Amino acid sequence: MASLTLQQALTIIEGTFQSGKQSNSAPLTVAVLDSGGKLVTLQRQDGASMMRPDIAIAKAWGALALGCSSRKLAQDACDRPAFISAINVLAQGNMVPVPGGLLIRSTSGDVVGSVGVSGDLSDLDEQCALAGIDHAELLSD
């Protein structure tokens, strides 16, 4: 099974920040987790507010823990609020079900980690995360 390297994680962050710059985003924070849910790296742009690291990690963690994007979790929160609320209790509040958290897959399709982005509107966070994954020549769902 493939594993996410530190260099790949840093490349994801580089691509995410490049996308944010091209989109004129607010300062972003990016967290990259390995397939076991442990933080590989976290970087915060100058001016990013103090809660952003926690939010980015929670977006990435939720995606990895439930095996789907945090956008899907947001949809589930609308469709099945009691379920997502219960899951978040089980997760000890470590899940933020809004867009910006994505699974990272190897080119063979194995889940190797996840990325969470926070700082701007959630849709833009997600767009930047996708660009970061693409920049590292990896895949997402």
Foldseek 3Di string as FASTA:
>chain_A
DDADDLVLVVLLVVQLVVLCVVVVFFWKKKWKAWLVLHTSDIDTDPPADDCRVLQWSQQQSQCSVVVHHLQVVLVCCVVPVVVSVVVCVVVVNSHDSAAFKWFWAAPVGHGTIIMGMDGGHRVSNNVSSQSSSVSSVIDTD
